[in-house]
Protein backbone atom coordinates (compact mmCIF):
# COMPACT_ATOMS: atom_id res chain seq x y z
CA MET A 1 35.85 -3.49 -14.63
CA ARG A 2 35.28 -1.11 -11.69
CA ALA A 3 34.19 1.62 -14.08
CA ALA A 4 31.56 -0.67 -15.61
CA ALA A 5 30.24 -1.60 -12.18
CA LEU A 6 30.10 2.06 -11.22
CA TRP A 7 28.13 2.90 -14.38
CA ILE A 8 25.67 0.08 -13.74
CA CYS A 9 25.08 1.26 -10.16
CA LEU A 10 24.71 4.86 -11.30
CA ALA A 11 22.23 3.90 -14.02
CA ALA A 12 20.16 1.87 -11.55
CA ALA A 13 20.10 4.76 -9.07
CA LEU A 14 19.07 7.27 -11.72
CA THR A 15 16.31 5.01 -12.97
CA GLY A 16 14.88 4.84 -9.46
CA CYS A 17 15.08 8.63 -9.14
CA ALA A 18 13.36 9.07 -12.49
CA ALA A 19 10.49 6.86 -11.40
CA PHE A 20 10.16 8.75 -8.12
CA GLY A 21 10.40 12.12 -9.84
CA ARG A 22 7.64 11.27 -12.29
CA CYS A 23 5.10 10.80 -9.51
CA GLY A 24 6.60 13.04 -6.85
CA LEU A 25 5.19 12.50 -3.40
CA ARG A 26 1.80 11.50 -4.79
CA GLU A 27 0.82 7.99 -5.78
CA CYS A 28 1.54 7.08 -9.40
CA PRO A 29 -1.61 6.45 -11.48
CA ALA A 30 -1.24 2.65 -11.27
CA ASP A 31 -0.77 2.84 -7.49
CA ALA A 32 -3.74 5.21 -7.12
CA LYS A 33 -5.88 2.69 -9.02
CA ILE A 34 -4.77 -0.12 -6.69
CA SER A 35 -5.57 2.04 -3.64
CA ALA A 36 -9.03 2.81 -5.02
CA GLN A 37 -9.68 -0.89 -5.65
CA VAL A 38 -8.55 -1.82 -2.14
CA ARG A 39 -10.76 0.90 -0.62
CA ALA A 40 -13.72 -0.40 -2.61
CA LEU A 41 -13.11 -3.97 -1.47
CA LEU A 42 -12.77 -2.86 2.16
CA ALA A 43 -16.01 -0.87 1.91
CA GLN A 44 -17.85 -4.00 0.72
CA SER A 45 -16.85 -6.02 3.77
CA PRO A 46 -19.51 -6.05 6.51
CA ALA A 47 -16.85 -7.27 8.97
CA LEU A 48 -14.99 -3.98 8.53
CA GLY A 49 -17.97 -1.66 8.84
CA VAL A 50 -18.05 1.66 10.60
CA PRO A 51 -16.55 2.92 12.92
CA ASN A 52 -13.25 1.53 11.61
CA LEU A 53 -10.81 4.06 10.19
CA ILE A 54 -8.57 2.50 7.54
CA SER A 55 -6.25 4.53 5.35
CA VAL A 56 -4.90 2.94 2.15
CA GLN A 57 -1.77 4.04 0.33
CA THR A 58 0.10 2.18 -2.41
CA THR A 59 3.70 2.58 -3.51
CA HIS A 60 5.05 0.47 -6.37
CA GLY A 61 2.29 -2.11 -5.83
CA VAL A 62 2.84 -2.38 -2.07
CA VAL A 63 -0.32 -1.51 -0.16
CA TYR A 64 0.03 0.15 3.25
CA LEU A 65 -2.95 -0.14 5.58
CA ARG A 66 -2.98 2.28 8.49
CA GLY A 67 -5.60 3.20 11.02
CA LEU A 68 -7.79 1.81 13.75
CA VAL A 69 -10.14 -1.16 13.91
CA SER A 70 -12.03 -2.83 16.75
CA THR A 71 -10.63 -6.39 16.81
CA PRO A 72 -7.58 -8.47 15.85
CA TYR A 73 -9.86 -10.35 13.43
CA GLN A 74 -10.50 -7.10 11.55
CA ILE A 75 -6.77 -6.48 11.21
CA ALA A 76 -6.33 -9.89 9.60
CA GLU A 77 -9.47 -9.51 7.48
CA ALA A 78 -8.38 -6.13 6.09
CA GLY A 79 -4.98 -7.53 5.11
CA SER A 80 -6.58 -10.53 3.44
CA ILE A 81 -9.00 -8.33 1.51
CA ALA A 82 -6.23 -5.97 0.35
CA GLU A 83 -4.24 -8.89 -1.06
CA GLN A 84 -7.13 -9.65 -3.44
CA ALA A 85 -6.92 -6.39 -5.40
CA PRO A 86 -5.33 -6.70 -8.85
CA GLY A 87 -1.78 -5.38 -9.02
CA VAL A 88 -0.99 -5.76 -5.32
CA THR A 89 2.51 -7.16 -4.81
CA ASP A 90 2.56 -6.99 -1.00
CA VAL A 91 0.50 -5.69 1.91
CA GLN A 92 2.01 -3.91 4.90
CA ASN A 93 -0.72 -4.17 7.50
CA LEU A 94 -0.03 -1.42 10.03
CA LEU A 95 -3.53 -1.37 11.54
CA SER A 96 -4.00 -1.06 15.30
CA ILE A 97 -6.81 -1.83 17.68
CA ASP A 98 -8.69 1.18 19.03
CA ASN A 99 -8.73 0.64 22.80
CA SER A 100 -10.84 3.73 23.47
CA ARG A 101 -14.08 1.90 22.74
């Protein structure tokens, strides 16, 4: 019984490594497509216009938003917009307010 459990855990770990190895440190094609769609949606929002600096990265369908915006409303708006892109499973909104302005 322990041997079977060990094999199951080992197989699960190797599957995860195989998925990571296939894409390396870059985004996988499906994740890159999601990032591009999120960037396009963000660019269409007048509420998030320049000079906001938002970086988008996706890993296994989870979108990570990083960067600086002007208001708390823009943080919420960016997260809401990112959730609308097809294929997004979760959004980690790590945006901050730029206090230098």
